Amino acid sequence: MHQQAVPILSEDVFTILGDKQSIEILESASAGMRSSSNGIRNQSKKQYYVKLKGLVEMGIVEKRKAIYNLTAFGLLVYENHFKTMKKVIPNYWQIKNIDY
């Protein structure tokens, strides 16, 4: 059976990753997150599963056996955006000074 491709917009990716709970799940999935996990601290089970479902539906996270991992697309998003931001944010004011 042929699966019909659904276009993914960058706005959709940023929307789904636009909160701390989703970022925490993304980071956990980058290291391999057990599906039996009781969620992430400071998240209710419902918040955890709603966010996880969105990440799976977007194609950022997938479940293989009993482990949630990043997909190839998810790995690209994680490596190119979040790891870069973690390096840039601490230097925000030095970068901001370049504008002047």
PDB file of N, CA and C in Angstrom:
ATOM      1  N   MET A   1       0.836  -1.176   0.000  1.00  0.00           N
ATOM      2  CA  MET A   1       0.000   0.000   0.000  1.00  0.00           C
ATOM      3  C   MET A   1       0.882   1.241   0.000  1.00  0.00           C
ATOM      4  N   HIS A   2       0.600   2.192  -0.837  1.00  0.00           N
ATOM      5  CA  HIS A   2       1.369   3.414  -0.959  1.00  0.00           C
ATOM      6  C   HIS A   2       0.841   4.462   0.013  1.00  0.00           C
ATOM      7  N   GLN A   3       1.732   5.020   0.804  1.00  0.00           N
ATOM      8  CA  GLN A   3       1.348   6.046   1.762  1.00  0.00           C
ATOM      9  C   GLN A   3       1.443   7.411   1.095  1.00  0.00           C
ATOM     10  N   GLN A   4       0.390   8.188   1.202  1.00  0.00           N
ATOM     11  CA  GLN A   4       0.371   9.502   0.581  1.00  0.00           C
ATOM     12  C   GLN A   4       1.188  10.477   1.426  1.00  0.00           C
ATOM     13  N   ALA A   5       2.052  11.226   0.775  1.00  0.00           N
ATOM     14  CA  ALA A   5       2.893  12.187   1.476  1.00  0.00           C
ATOM     15  C   ALA A   5       2.079  13.409   1.879  1.00  0.00           C
ATOM     16  N   VAL A   6       2.244  13.794   3.118  1.00  0.00           N
ATOM     17  CA  VAL A   6       1.585  14.986   3.638  1.00  0.00           C
ATOM     18  C   VAL A   6       2.665  16.045   3.808  1.00  0.00           C
ATOM     19  N   PRO A   7       2.474  17.216   3.233  1.00  0.00           N
ATOM     20  CA  PRO A   7       3.522  18.236   3.353  1.00  0.00           C
ATOM     21  C   PRO A   7       3.692  18.694   4.805  1.00  0.00           C
ATOM     22  N   ILE A   8       4.942  18.823   5.214  1.00  0.00           N
ATOM     23  CA  ILE A   8       5.259  19.322   6.545  1.00  0.00           C
ATOM     24  C   ILE A   8       5.804  20.727   6.371  1.00  0.00           C
ATOM     25  N   LEU A   9       5.233  21.647   7.106  1.00  0.00           N
ATOM     26  CA  LEU A   9       5.666  23.035   7.051  1.00  0.00           C
ATOM     27  C   LEU A   9       6.579  23.338   8.229  1.00  0.00           C
ATOM     28  N   SER A  10       7.540  24.217   8.015  1.00  0.00           N
ATOM     29  CA  SER A  10       8.449  24.575   9.108  1.00  0.00           C
ATOM     30  C   SER A  10       7.677  25.163  10.281  1.00  0.00           C
ATOM     31  N   GLU A  11       6.591  25.866  10.003  1.00  0.00           N
ATOM     32  CA  GLU A  11       5.773  26.439  11.084  1.00  0.00           C
ATOM     33  C   GLU A  11       5.214  25.331  11.966  1.00  0.00           C
ATOM     34  N   ASP A  12       4.838  24.206  11.349  1.00  0.00           N
ATOM     35  CA  ASP A  12       4.295  23.080  12.109  1.00  0.00           C
ATOM     36  C   ASP A  12       5.357  22.495  13.037  1.00  0.00           C
ATOM     37  N   VAL A  13       6.573  22.386  12.537  1.00  0.00           N
ATOM     38  CA  VAL A  13       7.666  21.841  13.346  1.00  0.00           C
ATOM     39  C   VAL A  13       7.943  22.762  14.524  1.00  0.00           C
ATOM     40  N   PHE A  14       8.049  24.070  14.261  1.00  0.00           N
ATOM     41  CA  PHE A  14       8.332  25.002  15.346  1.00  0.00           C
ATOM     42  C   PHE A  14       7.179  25.079  16.344  1.00  0.00           C
ATOM     43  N   THR A  15       5.961  24.925  15.862  1.00  0.00           N
ATOM     44  CA  THR A  15       4.804  24.937  16.762  1.00  0.00           C
ATOM     45  C   THR A  15       4.851  23.750  17.703  1.00  0.00           C
ATOM     46  N   ILE A  16       5.103  22.572  17.165  1.00  0.00           N
ATOM     47  CA  ILE A  16       5.105  21.378  18.014  1.00  0.00           C
ATOM     48  C   ILE A  16       6.286  21.373  18.972  1.00  0.00           C
ATOM     49  N   LEU A  17       7.364  22.028  18.611  1.00  0.00           N
ATOM     50  CA  LEU A  17       8.547  22.077  19.475  1.00  0.00           C
ATOM     51  C   LEU A  17       8.627  23.368  20.280  1.00  0.00           C
ATOM     52  N   GLY A  18       7.557  24.126  20.282  1.00  0.00           N
ATOM     53  CA  GLY A  18       7.575  25.453  20.884  1.00  0.00           C
ATOM     54  C   GLY A  18       7.340  25.506  22.376  1.00  0.00           C
ATOM     55  N   ASP A  19       7.521  24.395  23.089  1.00  0.00           N
ATOM     56  CA  ASP A  19       7.362  24.454  24.534  1.00  0.00           C
ATOM     57  C   ASP A  19       8.384  23.551  25.217  1.00  0.00           C
ATOM     58  N   LYS A  20       8.608  23.814  26.474  1.00  0.00           N
ATOM     59  CA  LYS A  20       9.636  23.118  27.237  1.00  0.00           C
ATOM     60  C   LYS A  20       9.377  21.615  27.328  1.00  0.00           C
ATOM     61  N   GLN A  21       8.117  21.227  27.469  1.00  0.00           N
ATOM     62  CA  GLN A  21       7.795  19.810  27.599  1.00  0.00           C
ATOM     63  C   GLN A  21       8.208  19.023  26.351  1.00  0.00           C
ATOM     64  N   SER A  22       7.934  19.559  25.176  1.00  0.00           N
ATOM     65  CA  SER A  22       8.309  18.872  23.931  1.00  0.00           C
ATOM     66  C   SER A  22       9.821  18.792  23.779  1.00  0.00           C
ATOM     67  N   ILE A  23      10.509  19.842  24.168  1.00  0.00           N
ATOM     68  CA  ILE A  23      11.971  19.854  24.082  1.00  0.00           C
ATOM     69  C   ILE A  23      12.560  18.797  25.009  1.00  0.00           C
ATOM     70  N   GLU A  24      11.989  18.664  26.203  1.00  0.00           N
ATOM     71  CA  GLU A  24      12.476  17.643  27.138  1.00  0.00           C
ATOM     72  C   GLU A  24      12.282  16.244  26.561  1.00  0.00           C
ATOM     73  N   ILE A  25      11.146  16.003  25.927  1.00  0.00           N
ATOM     74  CA  ILE A  25      10.901  14.704  25.301  1.00  0.00           C
ATOM     75  C   ILE A  25      11.875  14.491  24.141  1.00  0.00           C
ATOM     76  N   LEU A  26      12.079  15.525  23.337  1.00  0.00           N
ATOM     77  CA  LEU A  26      13.020  15.441  22.213  1.00  0.00           C
ATOM     78  C   LEU A  26      14.415  15.078  22.709  1.00  0.00           C
ATOM     79  N   GLU A  27      14.864  15.732  23.768  1.00  0.00           N
ATOM     80  CA  GLU A  27      16.190  15.449  24.309  1.00  0.00           C
ATOM     81  C   GLU A  27      16.271  14.025  24.865  1.00  0.00           C
ATOM     82  N   SER A  28      15.222  13.579  25.526  1.00  0.00           N
ATOM     83  CA  SER A  28      15.205  12.208  26.045  1.00  0.00           C
ATOM     84  C   SER A  28      15.219  11.193  24.905  1.00  0.00           C
ATOM     85  N   ALA A  29      14.457  11.465  23.852  1.00  0.00           N
ATOM     86  CA  ALA A  29      14.410  10.561  22.702  1.00  0.00           C
ATOM     87  C   ALA A  29      15.749  10.522  21.976  1.00  0.00           C
ATOM     88  N   SER A  30      16.500  11.599  22.032  1.00  0.00           N
ATOM     89  CA  SER A  30      17.812  11.606  21.369  1.00  0.00           C
ATOM     90  C   SER A  30      18.760  10.602  22.018  1.00  0.00           C
ATOM     91  N   ALA A  31      18.516  10.283  23.279  1.00  0.00           N
ATOM     92  CA  ALA A  31      19.339   9.309  23.991  1.00  0.00           C
ATOM     93  C   ALA A  31      18.675   7.939  24.048  1.00  0.00           C
ATOM     94  N   GLY A  32      17.466   7.818  23.497  1.00  0.00           N
ATOM     95  CA  GLY A  32      16.715   6.564  23.561  1.00  0.00           C
ATOM     96  C   GLY A  32      15.879   6.542  24.822  1.00  0.00           C
ATOM     97  N   MET A  33      14.610   6.755  24.680  1.00  0.00           N
ATOM     98  CA  MET A  33      13.709   6.868  25.828  1.00  0.00           C
ATOM     99  C   MET A  33      12.817   5.632  25.895  1.00  0.00           C
ATOM    100  N   ARG A  34      12.811   4.966  27.026  1.00  0.00           N
ATOM    101  CA  ARG A  34      11.982   3.773  27.191  1.00  0.00           C
ATOM    102  C   ARG A  34      10.514   4.126  27.116  1.00  0.00           C
ATOM    103  N   SER A  35       9.748   3.287  26.435  1.00  0.00           N
ATOM    104  CA  SER A  35       8.313   3.542  26.306  1.00  0.00           C
ATOM    105  C   SER A  35       7.583   3.336  27.624  1.00  0.00           C
ATOM    106  N   SER A  36       8.199   2.648  28.565  1.00  0.00           N
ATOM    107  CA  SER A  36       7.590   2.450  29.876  1.00  0.00           C
ATOM    108  C   SER A  36       7.846   3.633  30.796  1.00  0.00           C
ATOM    109  N   SER A  37       8.466   4.666  30.266  1.00  0.00           N
ATOM    110  CA  SER A  37       8.766   5.852  31.052  1.00  0.00           C
ATOM    111  C   SER A  37       7.477   6.445  31.609  1.00  0.00           C
ATOM    112  N   ASN A  38       7.561   6.942  32.796  1.00  0.00           N
ATOM    113  CA  ASN A  38       6.406   7.574  33.424  1.00  0.00           C
ATOM    114  C   ASN A  38       6.320   9.053  33.085  1.00  0.00           C
ATOM    115  N   GLY A  39       6.939   9.424  32.038  1.00  0.00           N
ATOM    116  CA  GLY A  39       6.906  10.819  31.619  1.00  0.00           C
ATOM    117  C   GLY A  39       8.197  11.526  31.984  1.00  0.00           C
ATOM    118  N   ILE A  40       8.133  12.795  31.890  1.00  0.00           N
ATOM    119  CA  ILE A  40       9.268  13.652  32.188  1.00  0.00           C
ATOM    120  C   ILE A  40       8.889  14.451  33.433  1.00  0.00           C
ATOM    121  N   ARG A  41       9.858  14.715  34.279  1.00  0.00           N
ATOM    122  CA  ARG A  41       9.532  15.465  35.496  1.00  0.00           C
ATOM    123  C   ARG A  41       8.871  16.791  35.139  1.00  0.00           C
ATOM    124  N   ASN A  42       8.030  17.231  36.028  1.00  0.00           N
ATOM    125  CA  ASN A  42       7.260  18.475  35.868  1.00  0.00           C
ATOM    126  C   ASN A  42       6.235  18.395  34.738  1.00  0.00           C
ATOM    127  N   GLN A  43       5.900  17.189  34.299  1.00  0.00           N
ATOM    128  CA  GLN A  43       4.851  16.992  33.307  1.00  0.00           C
ATOM    129  C   GLN A  43       3.881  15.953  33.841  1.00  0.00           C
ATOM    130  N   SER A  44       2.608  16.211  33.649  1.00  0.00           N
ATOM    131  CA  SER A  44       1.635  15.182  33.993  1.00  0.00           C
ATOM    132  C   SER A  44       1.723  14.084  32.927  1.00  0.00           C
ATOM    133  N   LYS A  45       1.176  12.920  33.234  1.00  0.00           N
ATOM    134  CA  LYS A  45       1.175  11.837  32.245  1.00  0.00           C
ATOM    135  C   LYS A  45       0.434  12.265  30.989  1.00  0.00           C
ATOM    136  N   LYS A  46      -0.664  12.990  31.171  1.00  0.00           N
ATOM    137  CA  LYS A  46      -1.442  13.434  30.011  1.00  0.00           C
ATOM    138  C   LYS A  46      -0.619  14.384  29.150  1.00  0.00           C
ATOM    139  N   GLN A  47       0.041  15.375  29.768  1.00  0.00           N
ATOM    140  CA  GLN A  47       0.887  16.294  29.000  1.00  0.00           C
ATOM    141  C   GLN A  47       1.951  15.526  28.236  1.00  0.00           C
ATOM    142  N   TYR A  48       2.591  14.588  28.913  1.00  0.00           N
ATOM    143  CA  TYR A  48       3.657  13.787  28.317  1.00  0.00           C
ATOM    144  C   TYR A  48       3.152  13.035  27.090  1.00  0.00           C
ATOM    145  N   TYR A  49       2.036  12.331  27.236  1.00  0.00           N
ATOM    146  CA  TYR A  49       1.547  11.516  26.129  1.00  0.00           C
ATOM    147  C   TYR A  49       0.987  12.360  24.986  1.00  0.00           C
ATOM    148  N   VAL A  50       0.386  13.492  25.290  1.00  0.00           N
ATOM    149  CA  VAL A  50      -0.110  14.384  24.225  1.00  0.00           C
ATOM    150  C   VAL A  50       1.067  14.930  23.423  1.00  0.00           C
ATOM    151  N   LYS A  51       2.113  15.385  24.112  1.00  0.00           N
ATOM    152  CA  LYS A  51       3.298  15.928  23.429  1.00  0.00           C
ATOM    153  C   LYS A  51       4.013  14.830  22.633  1.00  0.00           C
ATOM    154  N   LEU A  52       4.158  13.651  23.240  1.00  0.00           N
ATOM    155  CA  LEU A  52       4.814  12.539  22.567  1.00  0.00           C
ATOM    156  C   LEU A  52       4.049  12.136  21.309  1.00  0.00           C
ATOM    157  N   LYS A  53       2.730  12.086  21.399  1.00  0.00           N
ATOM    158  CA  LYS A  53       1.912  11.739  20.234  1.00  0.00           C
ATOM    159  C   LYS A  53       2.129  12.741  19.098  1.00  0.00           C
ATOM    160  N   GLY A  54       2.177  14.019  19.421  1.00  0.00           N
ATOM    161  CA  GLY A  54       2.412  15.040  18.402  1.00  0.00           C
ATOM    162  C   GLY A  54       3.764  14.885  17.736  1.00  0.00           C
ATOM    163  N   LEU A  55       4.795  14.572  18.526  1.00  0.00           N
ATOM    164  CA  LEU A  55       6.136  14.374  17.974  1.00  0.00           C
ATOM    165  C   LEU A  55       6.191  13.149  17.063  1.00  0.00           C
ATOM    166  N   VAL A  56       5.456  12.108  17.440  1.00  0.00           N
ATOM    167  CA  VAL A  56       5.403  10.901  16.610  1.00  0.00           C
ATOM    168  C   VAL A  56       4.654  11.199  15.315  1.00  0.00           C
ATOM    169  N   GLU A  57       3.506  11.859  15.419  1.00  0.00           N
ATOM    170  CA  GLU A  57       2.711  12.170  14.220  1.00  0.00           C
ATOM    171  C   GLU A  57       3.451  13.101  13.262  1.00  0.00           C
ATOM    172  N   MET A  58       4.292  13.979  13.790  1.00  0.00           N
ATOM    173  CA  MET A  58       5.068  14.895  12.955  1.00  0.00           C
ATOM    174  C   MET A  58       6.243  14.174  12.296  1.00  0.00           C
ATOM    175  N   GLY A  59       6.566  12.983  12.775  1.00  0.00           N
ATOM    176  CA  GLY A  59       7.679  12.228  12.200  1.00  0.00           C
ATOM    177  C   GLY A  59       9.018  12.599  12.789  1.00  0.00           C
ATOM    178  N   ILE A  60       9.012  13.156  13.991  1.00  0.00           N
ATOM    179  CA  ILE A  60      10.246  13.560  14.656  1.00  0.00           C
ATOM    180  C   ILE A  60      10.754  12.444  15.562  1.00  0.00           C
ATOM    181  N   VAL A  61       9.823  11.721  16.166  1.00  0.00           N
ATOM    182  CA  VAL A  61      10.142  10.623  17.087  1.00  0.00           C
ATOM    183  C   VAL A  61       9.421   9.380  16.600  1.00  0.00           C
ATOM    184  N   GLU A  62      10.054   8.222  16.777  1.00  0.00           N
ATOM    185  CA  GLU A  62       9.403   6.960  16.440  1.00  0.00           C
ATOM    186  C   GLU A  62       9.710   5.941  17.524  1.00  0.00           C
ATOM    187  N   LYS A  63       8.834   4.955  17.625  1.00  0.00           N
ATOM    188  CA  LYS A  63       9.018   3.890  18.605  1.00  0.00           C
ATOM    189  C   LYS A  63       9.542   2.654  17.886  1.00  0.00           C
ATOM    190  N   ARG A  64      10.682   2.171  18.334  1.00  0.00           N
ATOM    191  CA  ARG A  64      11.252   0.920  17.830  1.00  0.00           C
ATOM    192  C   ARG A  64      11.390  -0.016  19.013  1.00  0.00           C
ATOM    193  N   LYS A  65      10.670  -1.128  18.912  1.00  0.00           N
ATOM    194  CA  LYS A  65      10.579  -2.071  20.032  1.00  0.00           C
ATOM    195  C   LYS A  65      10.016  -1.302  21.225  1.00  0.00           C
ATOM    196  N   ALA A  66      10.736  -1.180  22.311  1.00  0.00           N
ATOM    197  CA  ALA A  66      10.209  -0.491  23.498  1.00  0.00           C
ATOM    198  C   ALA A  66      10.917   0.835  23.741  1.00  0.00           C
ATOM    199  N   ILE A  67      11.555   1.377  22.717  1.00  0.00           N
ATOM    200  CA  ILE A  67      12.345   2.596  22.864  1.00  0.00           C
ATOM    201  C   ILE A  67      11.882   3.653  21.865  1.00  0.00           C
ATOM    202  N   TYR A  68      11.720   4.871  22.355  1.00  0.00           N
ATOM    203  CA  TYR A  68      11.451   6.010  21.472  1.00  0.00           C
ATOM    204  C   TYR A  68      12.784   6.638  21.102  1.00  0.00           C
ATOM    205  N   ASN A  69      12.995   6.816  19.803  1.00  0.00           N
ATOM    206  CA  ASN A  69      14.211   7.430  19.266  1.00  0.00           C
ATOM    207  C   ASN A  69      13.826   8.519  18.280  1.00  0.00           C
ATOM    208  N   LEU A  70      14.793   9.354  17.969  1.00  0.00           N
ATOM    209  CA  LEU A  70      14.583  10.348  16.926  1.00  0.00           C
ATOM    210  C   LEU A  70      14.615   9.655  15.566  1.00  0.00           C
ATOM    211  N   THR A  71      13.774  10.107  14.664  1.00  0.00           N
ATOM    212  CA  THR A  71      13.841   9.653  13.280  1.00  0.00           C
ATOM    213  C   THR A  71      15.005  10.387  12.620  1.00  0.00           C
ATOM    214  N   ALA A  72      15.282  10.064  11.371  1.00  0.00           N
ATOM    215  CA  ALA A  72      16.330  10.795  10.641  1.00  0.00           C
ATOM    216  C   ALA A  72      15.968  12.281  10.576  1.00  0.00           C
ATOM    217  N   PHE A  73      14.704  12.568  10.322  1.00  0.00           N
ATOM    218  CA  PHE A  73      14.240  13.964  10.292  1.00  0.00           C
ATOM    219  C   PHE A  73      14.390  14.591  11.675  1.00  0.00           C
ATOM    220  N   GLY A  74      13.993  13.869  12.707  1.00  0.00           N
ATOM    221  CA  GLY A  74      14.101  14.369  14.074  1.00  0.00           C
ATOM    222  C   GLY A  74      15.538  14.642  14.466  1.00  0.00           C
ATOM    223  N   LEU A  75      16.437  13.778  14.033  1.00  0.00           N
ATOM    224  CA  LEU A  75      17.857  13.974  14.326  1.00  0.00           C
ATOM    225  C   LEU A  75      18.382  15.236  13.650  1.00  0.00           C
ATOM    226  N   LEU A  76      17.967  15.476  12.417  1.00  0.00           N
ATOM    227  CA  LEU A  76      18.379  16.706  11.726  1.00  0.00           C
ATOM    228  C   LEU A  76      17.866  17.940  12.449  1.00  0.00           C
ATOM    229  N   VAL A  77      16.618  17.910  12.856  1.00  0.00           N
ATOM    230  CA  VAL A  77      16.043  19.043  13.594  1.00  0.00           C
ATOM    231  C   VAL A  77      16.802  19.244  14.900  1.00  0.00           C
ATOM    232  N   TYR A  78      17.036  18.175  15.614  1.00  0.00           N
ATOM    233  CA  TYR A  78      17.722  18.246  16.908  1.00  0.00           C
ATOM    234  C   TYR A  78      19.150  18.765  16.752  1.00  0.00           C
ATOM    235  N   GLU A  79      19.898  18.173  15.844  1.00  0.00           N
ATOM    236  CA  GLU A  79      21.310  18.549  15.662  1.00  0.00           C
ATOM    237  C   GLU A  79      21.470  19.966  15.129  1.00  0.00           C
ATOM    238  N   ASN A  80      20.648  20.337  14.151  1.00  0.00           N
ATOM    239  CA  ASN A  80      20.838  21.615  13.477  1.00  0.00           C
ATOM    240  C   ASN A  80      20.176  22.798  14.162  1.00  0.00           C
ATOM    241  N   HIS A  81      19.221  22.548  15.010  1.00  0.00           N
ATOM    242  CA  HIS A  81      18.533  23.667  15.657  1.00  0.00           C
ATOM    243  C   HIS A  81      18.780  23.712  17.153  1.00  0.00           C
ATOM    244  N   PHE A  82      18.489  22.642  17.848  1.00  0.00           N
ATOM    245  CA  PHE A  82      18.551  22.696  19.300  1.00  0.00           C
ATOM    246  C   PHE A  82      19.962  22.652  19.844  1.00  0.00           C
ATOM    247  N   LYS A  83      20.813  21.823  19.283  1.00  0.00           N
ATOM    248  CA  LYS A  83      22.190  21.796  19.758  1.00  0.00           C
ATOM    249  C   LYS A  83      22.887  23.115  19.417  1.00  0.00           C
ATOM    250  N   THR A  84      22.565  23.673  18.264  1.00  0.00           N
ATOM    251  CA  THR A  84      23.134  24.965  17.887  1.00  0.00           C
ATOM    252  C   THR A  84      22.652  26.055  18.837  1.00  0.00           C
ATOM    253  N   MET A  85      21.372  26.064  19.148  1.00  0.00           N
ATOM    254  CA  MET A  85      20.822  27.075  20.053  1.00  0.00           C
ATOM    255  C   MET A  85      21.442  26.972  21.440  1.00  0.00           C
ATOM    256  N   LYS A  86      21.716  25.762  21.903  1.00  0.00           N
ATOM    257  CA  LYS A  86      22.342  25.593  23.212  1.00  0.00           C
ATOM    258  C   LYS A  86      23.731  26.228  23.248  1.00  0.00           C
ATOM    259  N   LYS A  87      24.398  26.261  22.105  1.00  0.00           N
ATOM    260  CA  LYS A  87      25.714  26.892  22.027  1.00  0.00           C
ATOM    261  C   LYS A  87      25.597  28.408  21.898  1.00  0.00           C
ATOM    262  N   VAL A  88      24.579  28.878  21.193  1.00  0.00           N
ATOM    263  CA  VAL A  88      24.440  30.303  20.892  1.00  0.00           C
ATOM    264  C   VAL A  88      23.855  31.090  22.061  1.00  0.00           C
ATOM    265  N   ILE A  89      22.841  30.563  22.709  1.00  0.00           N
ATOM    266  CA  ILE A  89      22.125  31.296  23.754  1.00  0.00           C
ATOM    267  C   ILE A  89      23.038  31.820  24.859  1.00  0.00           C
ATOM    268  N   PRO A  90      23.992  31.041  25.380  1.00  0.00           N
ATOM    269  CA  PRO A  90      24.859  31.590  26.420  1.00  0.00           C
ATOM    270  C   PRO A  90      25.671  32.810  25.970  1.00  0.00           C
ATOM    271  N   ASN A  91      25.844  32.973  24.666  1.00  0.00           N
ATOM    272  CA  ASN A  91      26.615  34.094  24.119  1.00  0.00           C
ATOM    273  C   ASN A  91      25.722  35.174  23.517  1.00  0.00           C
ATOM    274  N   TYR A  92      24.465  35.183  23.910  1.00  0.00           N
ATOM    275  CA  TYR A  92      23.491  36.097  23.321  1.00  0.00           C
ATOM    276  C   TYR A  92      23.962  37.549  23.351  1.00  0.00           C
ATOM    277  N   TRP A  93      24.440  38.013  24.495  1.00  0.00           N
ATOM    278  CA  TRP A  93      24.786  39.435  24.602  1.00  0.00           C
ATOM    279  C   TRP A  93      26.020  39.794  23.784  1.00  0.00           C
ATOM    280  N   GLN A  94      26.952  38.885  23.649  1.00  0.00           N
ATOM    281  CA  GLN A  94      28.108  39.155  22.784  1.00  0.00           C
ATOM    282  C   GLN A  94      27.667  39.243  21.335  1.00  0.00           C
ATOM    283  N   ILE A  95      26.760  38.372  20.947  1.00  0.00           N
ATOM    284  CA  ILE A  95      26.232  38.391  19.566  1.00  0.00           C
ATOM    285  C   ILE A  95      25.402  39.656  19.351  1.00  0.00           C
ATOM    286  N   LYS A  96      24.628  40.026  20.347  1.00  0.00           N
ATOM    287  CA  LYS A  96      23.791  41.223  20.263  1.00  0.00           C
ATOM    288  C   LYS A  96      24.648  42.466  20.064  1.00  0.00           C
ATOM    289  N   ASN A  97      25.814  42.502  20.686  1.00  0.00           N
ATOM    290  CA  ASN A  97      26.708  43.660  20.559  1.00  0.00           C
ATOM    291  C   ASN A  97      27.202  43.851  19.126  1.00  0.00           C
ATOM    292  N   ILE A  98      27.213  42.808  18.332  1.00  0.00           N
ATOM    293  CA  ILE A  98      27.624  42.915  16.940  1.00  0.00           C
ATOM    294  C   ILE A  98      26.643  43.801  16.156  1.00  0.00           C
ATOM    295  N   ASP A  99      25.377  43.803  16.591  1.00  0.00           N
ATOM    296  CA  ASP A  99      24.359  44.610  15.920  1.00  0.00           C
ATOM    297  C   ASP A  99      24.601  46.107  16.045  1.00  0.00           C
ATOM    298  N   TYR A 100      25.393  46.490  17.002  1.00  0.00           N
ATOM    299  CA  TYR A 100      25.579  47.942  17.234  1.00  0.00           C
ATOM    300  C   TYR A 100      26.838  48.466  16.671  1.00  0.00           C
TER     301      TYR A 100
END
